[in-house]
């Protein structure tokens, strides 16, 4: 029974073709212990599987059935707009909460006077720690925090993100021109510039089938290799460039943006050669750079908007940076990624 008439928390689940994931995700929310009153909202992004049929088994779950596929950012913005709760918990359909997740998040939020964006420790389905949030490298790649560090993270996983509704509306939600991917980095950077905290409590957590809906992650057959998709790489590289445009201090932007584009060209050549697919030079990498050029005016509008509302300067964001590029760590640990599919 979901006490949805006056919920404290709105659990917002973005779903696309998650027929095999939804039941476990929703069950983990319904199994919460000592939880505040909550509602569950699911945005179905024009799924082509039986997701809507699965959702019919949960009459208390509010379903937003989109006739068109609009992407993760718009899906979450729509759910936040209709949510009744004082707090939002944005939850991926491939995530499962531990039983004390909601109670832990509420207590932690109160500690920060409800002016904090919160995550939870992320675990693999078999219980291995993935991260406790992440730092950022100079190119806006998240560097997972895997120790119980005292320093707070720079960013959180959008797979499980708690935001007070008032803060969400103050920040303006996710940038819809991102479509999906890296929107969590954008929101956390914007929150920190607005004077909010970004934190991960030491308790509780969630299990995450990372990449289950996007076909990315360690290859089960060869776990020391890294597998991704061309589409995920395109969105990731495009949106990280946009985050750099919005948030980096101007002197660093002038230095790092051309360097990052150069490194992307080198990476594109290496990935195309490794995968024996010449088309990977153009799509996803060169396409990502070209699309940043077309989206640059929107990013610059965001950048100018921050200048009039920020509580912290851009240089303050660098206090949680990791100086070593995270891709270099991955290259040394797992080699050049295997890319599957097309970027369209």
C-alpha atoms as a PDB file:
ATOM      1  CA  UNK A   1       0.000   0.000   0.000  1.00  0.00           C
ATOM      2  CA  UNK A   2       1.571   3.279  -1.091  1.00  0.00           C
ATOM      3  CA  UNK A   3       0.558   6.285   1.060  1.00  0.00           C
ATOM      4  CA  UNK A   4       0.334   8.614  -1.919  1.00  0.00           C
ATOM      5  CA  UNK A   5      -2.235  11.229  -0.803  1.00  0.00           C
ATOM      6  CA  UNK A   6       0.330  13.382   1.058  1.00  0.00           C
ATOM      7  CA  UNK A   7       3.722  11.908   0.140  1.00  0.00           C
ATOM      8  CA  UNK A   8       6.946  13.164   1.641  1.00  0.00           C
ATOM      9  CA  UNK A   9       8.979  11.563  -1.142  1.00  0.00           C
ATOM     10  CA  UNK A  10       8.203  11.110  -4.817  1.00  0.00           C
ATOM     11  CA  UNK A  11      10.173   8.180  -6.215  1.00  0.00           C
ATOM     12  CA  UNK A  12      10.567   8.900  -9.932  1.00  0.00           C
ATOM     13  CA  UNK A  13      11.524   5.983 -12.170  1.00  0.00           C
ATOM     14  CA  UNK A  14      12.463   6.675 -15.780  1.00  0.00           C
ATOM     15  CA  UNK A  15      11.784   3.591 -17.871  1.00  0.00           C
ATOM     16  CA  UNK A  16      12.532   2.563 -21.427  1.00  0.00           C
ATOM     17  CA  UNK A  17      12.174  -1.083 -22.400  1.00  0.00           C
ATOM     18  CA  UNK A  18      12.706  -2.155 -18.810  1.00  0.00           C
ATOM     19  CA  UNK A  19      10.141  -4.959 -18.759  1.00  0.00           C
ATOM     20  CA  UNK A  20      12.683  -7.292 -17.129  1.00  0.00           C
ATOM     21  CA  UNK A  21      13.817  -4.664 -14.598  1.00  0.00           C
ATOM     22  CA  UNK A  22      10.712  -2.852 -13.369  1.00  0.00           C
ATOM     23  CA  UNK A  23       9.357  -5.429 -10.942  1.00  0.00           C
ATOM     24  CA  UNK A  24      12.600  -5.665  -8.967  1.00  0.00           C
ATOM     25  CA  UNK A  25      13.002  -1.899  -8.913  1.00  0.00           C
ATOM     26  CA  UNK A  26       9.441  -1.202  -7.706  1.00  0.00           C
ATOM     27  CA  UNK A  27       9.594  -4.082  -5.218  1.00  0.00           C
ATOM     28  CA  UNK A  28      12.679  -2.529  -3.619  1.00  0.00           C
ATOM     29  CA  UNK A  29      10.778   0.726  -3.089  1.00  0.00           C
ATOM     30  CA  UNK A  30       7.711  -1.019  -1.664  1.00  0.00           C
ATOM     31  CA  UNK A  31       9.933  -2.967   0.745  1.00  0.00           C
ATOM     32  CA  UNK A  32      11.333   0.160   2.437  1.00  0.00           C
ATOM     33  CA  UNK A  33      11.440   0.011   6.244  1.00  0.00           C
ATOM     34  CA  UNK A  34      10.675   2.996   8.520  1.00  0.00           C
ATOM     35  CA  UNK A  35      10.223   5.063   5.397  1.00  0.00           C
ATOM     36  CA  UNK A  36       8.416   8.388   5.102  1.00  0.00           C
ATOM     37  CA  UNK A  37       5.190   8.413   3.105  1.00  0.00           C
ATOM     38  CA  UNK A  38       5.998   8.081  -0.580  1.00  0.00           C
ATOM     39  CA  UNK A  39       4.515   7.843  -4.028  1.00  0.00           C
ATOM     40  CA  UNK A  40       5.943   6.118  -7.080  1.00  0.00           C
ATOM     41  CA  UNK A  41       5.847   7.733 -10.512  1.00  0.00           C
ATOM     42  CA  UNK A  42       7.055   5.927 -13.624  1.00  0.00           C
ATOM     43  CA  UNK A  43       7.672   7.718 -16.903  1.00  0.00           C
ATOM     44  CA  UNK A  44       7.552   5.180 -19.717  1.00  0.00           C
ATOM     45  CA  UNK A  45       9.504   6.573 -22.663  1.00  0.00           C
ATOM     46  CA  UNK A  46       7.536   4.961 -25.511  1.00  0.00           C
ATOM     47  CA  UNK A  47       8.779   1.463 -24.687  1.00  0.00           C
ATOM     48  CA  UNK A  48       8.424  -1.173 -27.384  1.00  0.00           C
ATOM     49  CA  UNK A  49       8.404  -4.086 -24.925  1.00  0.00           C
ATOM     50  CA  UNK A  50       5.748  -5.075 -22.358  1.00  0.00           C
ATOM     51  CA  UNK A  51       6.680  -2.420 -19.793  1.00  0.00           C
ATOM     52  CA  UNK A  52       3.198  -0.897 -19.712  1.00  0.00           C
ATOM     53  CA  UNK A  53       1.653  -4.304 -19.143  1.00  0.00           C
ATOM     54  CA  UNK A  54       3.986  -4.870 -16.204  1.00  0.00           C
ATOM     55  CA  UNK A  55       3.007  -1.490 -14.731  1.00  0.00           C
ATOM     56  CA  UNK A  56      -0.683  -2.404 -14.860  1.00  0.00           C
ATOM     57  CA  UNK A  57       0.034  -4.797 -11.960  1.00  0.00           C
ATOM     58  CA  UNK A  58       0.685  -1.749  -9.741  1.00  0.00           C
ATOM     59  CA  UNK A  59      -2.519   0.324  -9.630  1.00  0.00           C
ATOM     60  CA  UNK A  60      -1.048   2.731  -7.042  1.00  0.00           C
ATOM     61  CA  UNK A  61       1.883   3.625  -9.268  1.00  0.00           C
ATOM     62  CA  UNK A  62       1.317   6.760 -11.306  1.00  0.00           C
ATOM     63  CA  UNK A  63       2.338   6.166 -14.918  1.00  0.00           C
ATOM     64  CA  UNK A  64       3.221   8.834 -17.464  1.00  0.00           C
ATOM     65  CA  UNK A  65       3.105   7.058 -20.815  1.00  0.00           C
ATOM     66  CA  UNK A  66       4.930   9.148 -23.392  1.00  0.00           C
ATOM     67  CA  UNK A  67       3.803   8.602 -26.997  1.00  0.00           C
ATOM     68  CA  UNK A  68       7.305   9.528 -28.181  1.00  0.00           C
ATOM     69  CA  UNK A  69      10.782   8.717 -26.937  1.00  0.00           C
ATOM     70  CA  UNK A  70      12.026  11.937 -25.313  1.00  0.00           C
ATOM     71  CA  UNK A  71      15.087  10.825 -23.351  1.00  0.00           C
ATOM     72  CA  UNK A  72      16.109  10.662 -19.718  1.00  0.00           C
ATOM     73  CA  UNK A  73      16.288  14.407 -19.021  1.00  0.00           C
ATOM     74  CA  UNK A  74      12.792  15.260 -20.230  1.00  0.00           C
ATOM     75  CA  UNK A  75      11.383  12.135 -18.581  1.00  0.00           C
ATOM     76  CA  UNK A  76      12.700  13.181 -15.164  1.00  0.00           C
ATOM     77  CA  UNK A  77      11.670  16.805 -15.651  1.00  0.00           C
ATOM     78  CA  UNK A  78       8.127  15.659 -16.430  1.00  0.00           C
ATOM     79  CA  UNK A  79       7.955  13.479 -13.326  1.00  0.00           C
ATOM     80  CA  UNK A  80       9.339  16.258 -11.126  1.00  0.00           C
ATOM     81  CA  UNK A  81       6.715  18.631 -12.488  1.00  0.00           C
ATOM     82  CA  UNK A  82       3.850  16.350 -11.475  1.00  0.00           C
ATOM     83  CA  UNK A  83       5.409  15.059  -8.237  1.00  0.00           C
ATOM     84  CA  UNK A  84       3.582  15.762  -4.968  1.00  0.00           C
ATOM     85  CA  UNK A  85       6.468  15.007  -2.604  1.00  0.00           C
ATOM     86  CA  UNK A  86       8.656  17.463  -0.716  1.00  0.00           C
ATOM     87  CA  UNK A  87      11.617  15.400  -1.928  1.00  0.00           C
ATOM     88  CA  UNK A  88      12.409  13.678  -5.216  1.00  0.00           C
ATOM     89  CA  UNK A  89      14.278  10.408  -5.525  1.00  0.00           C
ATOM     90  CA  UNK A  90      15.305   9.868  -9.141  1.00  0.00           C
ATOM     91  CA  UNK A  91      15.790   6.145  -9.615  1.00  0.00           C
ATOM     92  CA  UNK A  92      16.879   4.155 -12.656  1.00  0.00           C
ATOM     93  CA  UNK A  93      14.785   1.148 -13.579  1.00  0.00           C
ATOM     94  CA  UNK A  94      17.926  -1.009 -13.235  1.00  0.00           C
ATOM     95  CA  UNK A  95      18.514   0.099  -9.627  1.00  0.00           C
ATOM     96  CA  UNK A  96      17.252  -1.519  -6.405  1.00  0.00           C
ATOM     97  CA  UNK A  97      17.208   0.249  -3.048  1.00  0.00           C
ATOM     98  CA  UNK A  98      18.422  -1.331   0.149  1.00  0.00           C
ATOM     99  CA  UNK A  99      15.647  -1.477   2.747  1.00  0.00           C
ATOM    100  CA  UNK A 100      16.722   1.590   4.741  1.00  0.00           C
ATOM    101  CA  UNK A 101      17.451   3.838   1.752  1.00  0.00           C
ATOM    102  CA  UNK A 102      14.573   6.322   2.060  1.00  0.00           C
ATOM    103  CA  UNK A 103      14.889   6.714   5.831  1.00  0.00           C
ATOM    104  CA  UNK A 104      18.661   7.218   5.523  1.00  0.00           C
ATOM    105  CA  UNK A 105      18.249   9.845   2.807  1.00  0.00           C
ATOM    106  CA  UNK A 106      15.634  11.777   4.782  1.00  0.00           C
ATOM    107  CA  UNK A 107      17.804  11.890   7.934  1.00  0.00           C
ATOM    108  CA  UNK A 108      20.861  12.933   5.912  1.00  0.00           C
ATOM    109  CA  UNK A 109      18.898  15.624   4.087  1.00  0.00           C
ATOM    110  CA  UNK A 110      17.764  17.106   7.408  1.00  0.00           C
ATOM    111  CA  UNK A 111      21.410  17.236   8.549  1.00  0.00           C
ATOM    112  CA  UNK A 112      22.121  19.573   5.630  1.00  0.00           C
ATOM    113  CA  UNK A 113      18.957  21.654   6.228  1.00  0.00           C
ATOM    114  CA  UNK A 114      17.420  20.132   3.088  1.00  0.00           C
ATOM    115  CA  UNK A 115      19.857  22.072   0.874  1.00  0.00           C
ATOM    116  CA  UNK A 116      21.744  19.068  -0.455  1.00  0.00           C
ATOM    117  CA  UNK A 117      21.720  16.768  -3.457  1.00  0.00           C
ATOM    118  CA  UNK A 118      22.303  13.269  -2.131  1.00  0.00           C
ATOM    119  CA  UNK A 119      23.299   9.900  -3.503  1.00  0.00           C
ATOM    120  CA  UNK A 120      23.843   6.513  -1.877  1.00  0.00           C
ATOM    121  CA  UNK A 121      26.726   4.058  -1.954  1.00  0.00           C
ATOM    122  CA  UNK A 122      26.404   2.102  -5.210  1.00  0.00           C
ATOM    123  CA  UNK A 123      26.917  -1.659  -5.258  1.00  0.00           C
ATOM    124  CA  UNK A 124      26.938  -4.301  -7.982  1.00  0.00           C
ATOM    125  CA  UNK A 125      24.079  -6.846  -7.861  1.00  0.00           C
ATOM    126  CA  UNK A 126      26.387  -9.246  -5.963  1.00  0.00           C
ATOM    127  CA  UNK A 127      27.225  -6.613  -3.338  1.00  0.00           C
ATOM    128  CA  UNK A 128      30.605  -5.211  -4.434  1.00  0.00           C
ATOM    129  CA  UNK A 129      31.091  -1.468  -3.902  1.00  0.00           C
ATOM    130  CA  UNK A 130      31.121   0.550  -7.128  1.00  0.00           C
ATOM    131  CA  UNK A 131      31.403   4.064  -5.723  1.00  0.00           C
ATOM    132  CA  UNK A 132      30.445   6.534  -3.014  1.00  0.00           C
ATOM    133  CA  UNK A 133      30.002   9.344  -5.513  1.00  0.00           C
ATOM    134  CA  UNK A 134      32.817  10.602  -7.709  1.00  0.00           C
ATOM    135  CA  UNK A 135      35.391  13.307  -8.170  1.00  0.00           C
ATOM    136  CA  UNK A 136      35.865  14.853 -11.594  1.00  0.00           C
ATOM    137  CA  UNK A 137      38.960  14.915 -13.753  1.00  0.00           C
ATOM    138  CA  UNK A 138      39.845  18.011 -15.838  1.00  0.00           C
ATOM    139  CA  UNK A 139      37.694  16.743 -18.740  1.00  0.00           C
ATOM    140  CA  UNK A 140      34.591  16.206 -16.583  1.00  0.00           C
ATOM    141  CA  UNK A 141      34.954  12.414 -16.435  1.00  0.00           C
ATOM    142  CA  UNK A 142      33.668  11.040 -13.100  1.00  0.00           C
ATOM    143  CA  UNK A 143      36.386   9.331 -11.058  1.00  0.00           C
ATOM    144  CA  UNK A 144      34.664   6.862  -8.682  1.00  0.00           C
ATOM    145  CA  UNK A 145      35.332   7.219  -4.965  1.00  0.00           C
ATOM    146  CA  UNK A 146      35.783   3.668  -3.698  1.00  0.00           C
ATOM    147  CA  UNK A 147      37.042   4.361  -0.179  1.00  0.00           C
ATOM    148  CA  UNK A 148      35.246   5.808   2.823  1.00  0.00           C
ATOM    149  CA  UNK A 149      36.749   9.230   2.186  1.00  0.00           C
ATOM    150  CA  UNK A 150      36.056  12.272   4.308  1.00  0.00           C
ATOM    151  CA  UNK A 151      36.115  14.630   1.340  1.00  0.00           C
ATOM    152  CA  UNK A 152      32.682  15.051  -0.265  1.00  0.00           C
ATOM    153  CA  UNK A 153      32.173  14.019  -3.896  1.00  0.00           C
ATOM    154  CA  UNK A 154      31.999  16.399  -6.831  1.00  0.00           C
ATOM    155  CA  UNK A 155      29.176  14.496  -8.497  1.00  0.00           C
ATOM    156  CA  UNK A 156      26.734  11.626  -7.993  1.00  0.00           C
ATOM    157  CA  UNK A 157      25.250   8.852 -10.094  1.00  0.00           C
ATOM    158  CA  UNK A 158      21.946   9.875 -11.651  1.00  0.00           C
ATOM    159  CA  UNK A 159      20.812   6.270 -11.189  1.00  0.00           C
ATOM    160  CA  UNK A 160      19.867   7.136  -7.591  1.00  0.00           C
ATOM    161  CA  UNK A 161      19.712  10.846  -6.776  1.00  0.00           C
ATOM    162  CA  UNK A 162      17.799  12.595  -3.971  1.00  0.00           C
ATOM    163  CA  UNK A 163      16.889  16.255  -4.509  1.00  0.00           C
ATOM    164  CA  UNK A 164      14.551  18.388  -2.379  1.00  0.00           C
ATOM    165  CA  UNK A 165      11.788  19.570  -4.707  1.00  0.00           C
ATOM    166  CA  UNK A 166      12.481  23.221  -3.871  1.00  0.00           C
ATOM    167  CA  UNK A 167      16.147  22.755  -4.833  1.00  0.00           C
ATOM    168  CA  UNK A 168      15.206  20.958  -8.037  1.00  0.00           C
ATOM    169  CA  UNK A 169      13.025  23.839  -9.172  1.00  0.00           C
ATOM    170  CA  UNK A 170      15.646  26.380  -8.105  1.00  0.00           C
ATOM    171  CA  UNK A 171      18.220  24.581 -10.243  1.00  0.00           C
ATOM    172  CA  UNK A 172      15.837  24.203 -13.174  1.00  0.00           C
ATOM    173  CA  UNK A 173      16.036  20.408 -13.358  1.00  0.00           C
ATOM    174  CA  UNK A 174      18.034  18.568 -15.989  1.00  0.00           C
ATOM    175  CA  UNK A 175      19.119  20.390 -19.181  1.00  0.00           C
ATOM    176  CA  UNK A 176      16.766  19.013 -21.804  1.00  0.00           C
ATOM    177  CA  UNK A 177      19.194  19.614 -24.681  1.00  0.00           C
ATOM    178  CA  UNK A 178      21.464  16.958 -23.095  1.00  0.00           C
ATOM    179  CA  UNK A 179      18.799  14.283 -23.828  1.00  0.00           C
ATOM    180  CA  UNK A 180      20.570  11.788 -21.525  1.00  0.00           C
ATOM    181  CA  UNK A 181      23.995  11.070 -20.046  1.00  0.00           C
ATOM    182  CA  UNK A 182      26.174  13.434 -17.945  1.00  0.00           C
ATOM    183  CA  UNK A 183      23.062  15.311 -16.775  1.00  0.00           C
ATOM    184  CA  UNK A 184      23.955  14.202 -13.237  1.00  0.00           C
ATOM    185  CA  UNK A 185      27.359  15.946 -13.480  1.00  0.00           C
ATOM    186  CA  UNK A 186      25.642  19.085 -14.781  1.00  0.00           C
ATOM    187  CA  UNK A 187      23.102  19.161 -11.936  1.00  0.00           C
ATOM    188  CA  UNK A 188      25.718  18.528  -9.229  1.00  0.00           C
ATOM    189  CA  UNK A 189      28.018  21.266 -10.548  1.00  0.00           C
ATOM    190  CA  UNK A 190      25.092  23.675 -10.705  1.00  0.00           C
ATOM    191  CA  UNK A 191      24.006  22.731  -7.180  1.00  0.00           C
ATOM    192  CA  UNK A 192      27.481  23.348  -5.789  1.00  0.00           C
ATOM    193  CA  UNK A 193      27.674  26.750  -7.489  1.00  0.00           C
ATOM    194  CA  UNK A 194      24.276  27.578  -5.950  1.00  0.00           C
ATOM    195  CA  UNK A 195      25.685  26.903  -2.472  1.00  0.00           C
ATOM    196  CA  UNK A 196      24.103  23.465  -2.006  1.00  0.00           C
ATOM    197  CA  UNK A 197      25.921  20.399  -0.738  1.00  0.00           C
ATOM    198  CA  UNK A 198      26.567  17.233  -2.765  1.00  0.00           C
ATOM    199  CA  UNK A 199      26.898  14.294  -0.392  1.00  0.00           C
ATOM    200  CA  UNK A 200      26.738  10.513  -0.010  1.00  0.00           C
ATOM    201  CA  UNK A 201      25.862   9.097   3.445  1.00  0.00           C
ATOM    202  CA  UNK A 202      27.990   6.265   4.775  1.00  0.00           C
ATOM    203  CA  UNK A 203      24.947   4.068   5.443  1.00  0.00           C
ATOM    204  CA  UNK A 204      22.512   2.161   3.205  1.00  0.00           C
ATOM    205  CA  UNK A 205      22.959   1.997  -0.574  1.00  0.00           C
ATOM    206  CA  UNK A 206      21.515   0.585  -3.772  1.00  0.00           C
ATOM    207  CA  UNK A 207      22.255  -2.261  -6.149  1.00  0.00           C
ATOM    208  CA  UNK A 208      22.754  -1.251  -9.751  1.00  0.00           C
ATOM    209  CA  UNK A 209      22.865  -3.347 -12.907  1.00  0.00           C
ATOM    210  CA  UNK A 210      25.026  -0.611 -14.445  1.00  0.00           C
ATOM    211  CA  UNK A 211      24.464  -0.215 -18.150  1.00  0.00           C
ATOM    212  CA  UNK A 212      21.644  -2.766 -18.284  1.00  0.00           C
ATOM    213  CA  UNK A 213      19.519  -0.412 -20.350  1.00  0.00           C
ATOM    214  CA  UNK A 214      22.377   1.021 -22.418  1.00  0.00           C
ATOM    215  CA  UNK A 215      24.579  -1.980 -23.181  1.00  0.00           C
ATOM    216  CA  UNK A 216      27.713  -0.685 -21.455  1.00  0.00           C
ATOM    217  CA  UNK A 217      30.043  -1.887 -18.757  1.00  0.00           C
ATOM    218  CA  UNK A 218      32.544  -4.658 -18.162  1.00  0.00           C
ATOM    219  CA  UNK A 219      32.148  -7.549 -20.565  1.00  0.00           C
ATOM    220  CA  UNK A 220      30.880 -10.608 -18.648  1.00  0.00           C
ATOM    221  CA  UNK A 221      32.930 -12.955 -20.812  1.00  0.00           C
ATOM    222  CA  UNK A 222      36.125 -10.891 -20.497  1.00  0.00           C
ATOM    223  CA  UNK A 223      35.748  -8.746 -17.357  1.00  0.00           C
ATOM    224  CA  UNK A 224      39.121  -7.049 -17.847  1.00  0.00           C
ATOM    225  CA  UNK A 225      37.873  -5.500 -21.106  1.00  0.00           C
ATOM    226  CA  UNK A 226      35.490  -2.582 -21.323  1.00  0.00           C
ATOM    227  CA  UNK A 227      32.397  -2.682 -23.528  1.00  0.00           C
ATOM    228  CA  UNK A 228      30.304   0.318 -24.496  1.00  0.00           C
ATOM    229  CA  UNK A 229      28.024   1.398 -27.310  1.00  0.00           C
ATOM    230  CA  UNK A 230      28.644   4.001 -29.971  1.00  0.00           C
ATOM    231  CA  UNK A 231      25.515   5.858 -28.887  1.00  0.00           C
ATOM    232  CA  UNK A 232      26.572   6.004 -25.246  1.00  0.00           C
ATOM    233  CA  UNK A 233      30.023   7.232 -26.255  1.00  0.00           C
ATOM    234  CA  UNK A 234      28.509   9.907 -28.487  1.00  0.00           C
ATOM    235  CA  UNK A 235      26.204  11.245 -25.769  1.00  0.00           C
ATOM    236  CA  UNK A 236      28.889  11.056 -23.109  1.00  0.00           C
ATOM    237  CA  UNK A 237      31.543  12.914 -25.109  1.00  0.00           C
ATOM    238  CA  UNK A 238      29.126  15.517 -26.429  1.00  0.00           C
ATOM    239  CA  UNK A 239      27.663  16.293 -23.025  1.00  0.00           C
ATOM    240  CA  UNK A 240      30.993  16.390 -21.191  1.00  0.00           C
ATOM    241  CA  UNK A 241      32.151  19.022 -23.673  1.00  0.00           C
ATOM    242  CA  UNK A 242      28.966  20.973 -22.955  1.00  0.00           C
ATOM    243  CA  UNK A 243      29.547  20.743 -19.192  1.00  0.00           C
ATOM    244  CA  UNK A 244      33.045  22.128 -19.717  1.00  0.00           C
ATOM    245  CA  UNK A 245      31.560  25.045 -21.666  1.00  0.00           C
ATOM    246  CA  UNK A 246      29.065  25.819 -18.918  1.00  0.00           C
ATOM    247  CA  UNK A 247      31.162  25.421 -15.768  1.00  0.00           C
ATOM    248  CA  UNK A 248      34.929  25.694 -16.289  1.00  0.00           C
ATOM    249  CA  UNK A 249      36.610  29.019 -15.439  1.00  0.00           C
ATOM    250  CA  UNK A 250      37.452  30.884 -18.658  1.00  0.00           C
ATOM    251  CA  UNK A 251      41.264  30.508 -18.411  1.00  0.00           C
ATOM    252  CA  UNK A 252      40.959  26.751 -17.945  1.00  0.00           C
ATOM    253  CA  UNK A 253      38.320  26.458 -20.663  1.00  0.00           C
ATOM    254  CA  UNK A 254      40.616  28.124 -23.205  1.00  0.00           C
ATOM    255  CA  UNK A 255      43.360  25.642 -22.288  1.00  0.00           C
ATOM    256  CA  UNK A 256      41.436  22.416 -21.770  1.00  0.00           C
ATOM    257  CA  UNK A 257      38.713  22.517 -24.433  1.00  0.00           C
ATOM    258  CA  UNK A 258      41.070  22.399 -27.464  1.00  0.00           C
ATOM    259  CA  UNK A 259      43.207  19.802 -25.668  1.00  0.00           C
ATOM    260  CA  UNK A 260      40.144  17.661 -25.013  1.00  0.00           C
ATOM    261  CA  UNK A 261      39.058  17.845 -28.667  1.00  0.00           C
ATOM    262  CA  UNK A 262      42.567  16.820 -29.748  1.00  0.00           C
ATOM    263  CA  UNK A 263      42.534  13.871 -27.353  1.00  0.00           C
ATOM    264  CA  UNK A 264      39.117  12.829 -28.665  1.00  0.00           C
ATOM    265  CA  UNK A 265      40.544  12.690 -32.186  1.00  0.00           C
ATOM    266  CA  UNK A 266      43.397  10.483 -30.942  1.00  0.00           C
ATOM    267  CA  UNK A 267      40.904   8.295 -29.092  1.00  0.00           C
ATOM    268  CA  UNK A 268      38.692   8.057 -32.185  1.00  0.00           C
ATOM    269  CA  UNK A 269      41.606   6.786 -34.278  1.00  0.00           C
ATOM    270  CA  UNK A 270      42.571   4.234 -31.610  1.00  0.00           C
ATOM    271  CA  UNK A 271      38.995   2.986 -31.132  1.00  0.00           C
ATOM    272  CA  UNK A 272      38.332   2.761 -34.880  1.00  0.00           C
ATOM    273  CA  UNK A 273      41.536   0.789 -35.400  1.00  0.00           C
ATOM    274  CA  UNK A 274      40.933  -1.490 -32.410  1.00  0.00           C
ATOM    275  CA  UNK A 275      37.348  -2.224 -33.435  1.00  0.00           C
ATOM    276  CA  UNK A 276      38.260  -2.387 -37.164  1.00  0.00           C
ATOM    277  CA  UNK A 277      35.442   0.012 -38.001  1.00  0.00           C
ATOM    278  CA  UNK A 278      36.507   3.158 -39.840  1.00  0.00           C
ATOM    279  CA  UNK A 279      33.028   4.620 -39.314  1.00  0.00           C
ATOM    280  CA  UNK A 280      33.780   5.075 -35.599  1.00  0.00           C
ATOM    281  CA  UNK A 281      36.056   7.991 -36.540  1.00  0.00           C
ATOM    282  CA  UNK A 282      33.045   9.977 -37.667  1.00  0.00           C
ATOM    283  CA  UNK A 283      30.283   8.573 -35.529  1.00  0.00           C
ATOM    284  CA  UNK A 284      30.380   8.900 -32.506  1.00  0.00           C
ATOM    285  CA  UNK A 285      33.448  11.107 -32.024  1.00  0.00           C
ATOM    286  CA  UNK A 286      33.452  13.712 -34.796  1.00  0.00           C
ATOM    287  CA  UNK A 287      29.681  13.859 -34.641  1.00  0.00           C
ATOM    288  CA  UNK A 288      29.876  14.649 -30.921  1.00  0.00           C
ATOM    289  CA  UNK A 289      32.250  17.570 -31.550  1.00  0.00           C
ATOM    290  CA  UNK A 290      30.141  18.872 -34.451  1.00  0.00           C
ATOM    291  CA  UNK A 291      26.964  18.740 -32.373  1.00  0.00           C
ATOM    292  CA  UNK A 292      28.646  20.664 -29.546  1.00  0.00           C
ATOM    293  CA  UNK A 293      29.217  23.476 -32.032  1.00  0.00           C
ATOM    294  CA  UNK A 294      25.490  23.575 -32.844  1.00  0.00           C
ATOM    295  CA  UNK A 295      24.525  23.401 -29.154  1.00  0.00           C
ATOM    296  CA  UNK A 296      27.127  25.929 -28.035  1.00  0.00           C
ATOM    297  CA  UNK A 297      24.655  28.877 -27.960  1.00  0.00           C
ATOM    298  CA  UNK A 298      22.428  27.015 -25.473  1.00  0.00           C
ATOM    299  CA  UNK A 299      25.398  26.137 -23.285  1.00  0.00           C
ATOM    300  CA  UNK A 300      26.576  29.760 -23.294  1.00  0.00           C
ATOM    301  CA  UNK A 301      23.102  30.912 -22.231  1.00  0.00           C
ATOM    302  CA  UNK A 302      23.397  28.545 -19.263  1.00  0.00           C
ATOM    303  CA  UNK A 303      26.890  29.869 -18.536  1.00  0.00           C
ATOM    304  CA  UNK A 304      25.729  33.497 -18.511  1.00  0.00           C
ATOM    305  CA  UNK A 305      22.736  32.568 -16.341  1.00  0.00           C
ATOM    306  CA  UNK A 306      25.020  31.076 -13.697  1.00  0.00           C
ATOM    307  CA  UNK A 307      26.989  34.300 -13.425  1.00  0.00           C
ATOM    308  CA  UNK A 308      24.011  36.142 -11.940  1.00  0.00           C
ATOM    309  CA  UNK A 309      22.869  33.456  -9.473  1.00  0.00           C
ATOM    310  CA  UNK A 310      26.007  31.669  -8.256  1.00  0.00           C
ATOM    311  CA  UNK A 311      26.855  31.554  -4.564  1.00  0.00           C
ATOM    312  CA  UNK A 312      30.300  30.052  -5.241  1.00  0.00           C
ATOM    313  CA  UNK A 313      32.770  30.920  -7.955  1.00  0.00           C
ATOM    314  CA  UNK A 314      33.742  28.521 -10.730  1.00  0.00           C
ATOM    315  CA  UNK A 315      37.191  28.005  -9.239  1.00  0.00           C
ATOM    316  CA  UNK A 316      35.554  26.529  -6.139  1.00  0.00           C
ATOM    317  CA  UNK A 317      34.386  23.588  -8.271  1.00  0.00           C
ATOM    318  CA  UNK A 318      37.998  22.527  -8.781  1.00  0.00           C
ATOM    319  CA  UNK A 319      38.474  21.662  -5.113  1.00  0.00           C
ATOM    320  CA  UNK A 320      37.000  18.208  -5.752  1.00  0.00           C
ATOM    321  CA  UNK A 321      38.891  17.502  -8.981  1.00  0.00           C
ATOM    322  CA  UNK A 322      41.226  14.581  -9.599  1.00  0.00           C
ATOM    323  CA  UNK A 323      44.241  15.715 -11.659  1.00  0.00           C
ATOM    324  CA  UNK A 324      44.812  12.375 -13.450  1.00  0.00           C
ATOM    325  CA  UNK A 325      42.532  11.859 -16.498  1.00  0.00           C
ATOM    326  CA  UNK A 326      40.202   8.962 -15.712  1.00  0.00           C
ATOM    327  CA  UNK A 327      40.359   7.595 -19.268  1.00  0.00           C
ATOM    328  CA  UNK A 328      44.087   7.052 -18.802  1.00  0.00           C
ATOM    329  CA  UNK A 329      43.333   4.898 -15.747  1.00  0.00           C
ATOM    330  CA  UNK A 330      40.761   2.891 -17.723  1.00  0.00           C
ATOM    331  CA  UNK A 331      43.118   2.502 -20.681  1.00  0.00           C
ATOM    332  CA  UNK A 332      45.845   1.103 -18.452  1.00  0.00           C
ATOM    333  CA  UNK A 333      43.418  -1.170 -16.594  1.00  0.00           C
ATOM    334  CA  UNK A 334      41.184  -2.412 -19.417  1.00  0.00           C
ATOM    335  CA  UNK A 335      42.582  -1.285 -22.734  1.00  0.00           C
ATOM    336  CA  UNK A 336      40.729   0.323 -25.626  1.00  0.00           C
ATOM    337  CA  UNK A 337      36.933  -0.081 -25.316  1.00  0.00           C
ATOM    338  CA  UNK A 338      34.892  -2.361 -27.519  1.00  0.00           C
ATOM    339  CA  UNK A 339      32.142  -0.282 -29.140  1.00  0.00           C
ATOM    340  CA  UNK A 340      28.937  -1.929 -30.298  1.00  0.00           C
ATOM    341  CA  UNK A 341      26.095  -0.646 -32.431  1.00  0.00           C
ATOM    342  CA  UNK A 342      25.680   2.751 -34.062  1.00  0.00           C
ATOM    343  CA  UNK A 343      25.408   6.186 -32.473  1.00  0.00           C
ATOM    344  CA  UNK A 344      21.991   7.004 -33.935  1.00  0.00           C
END
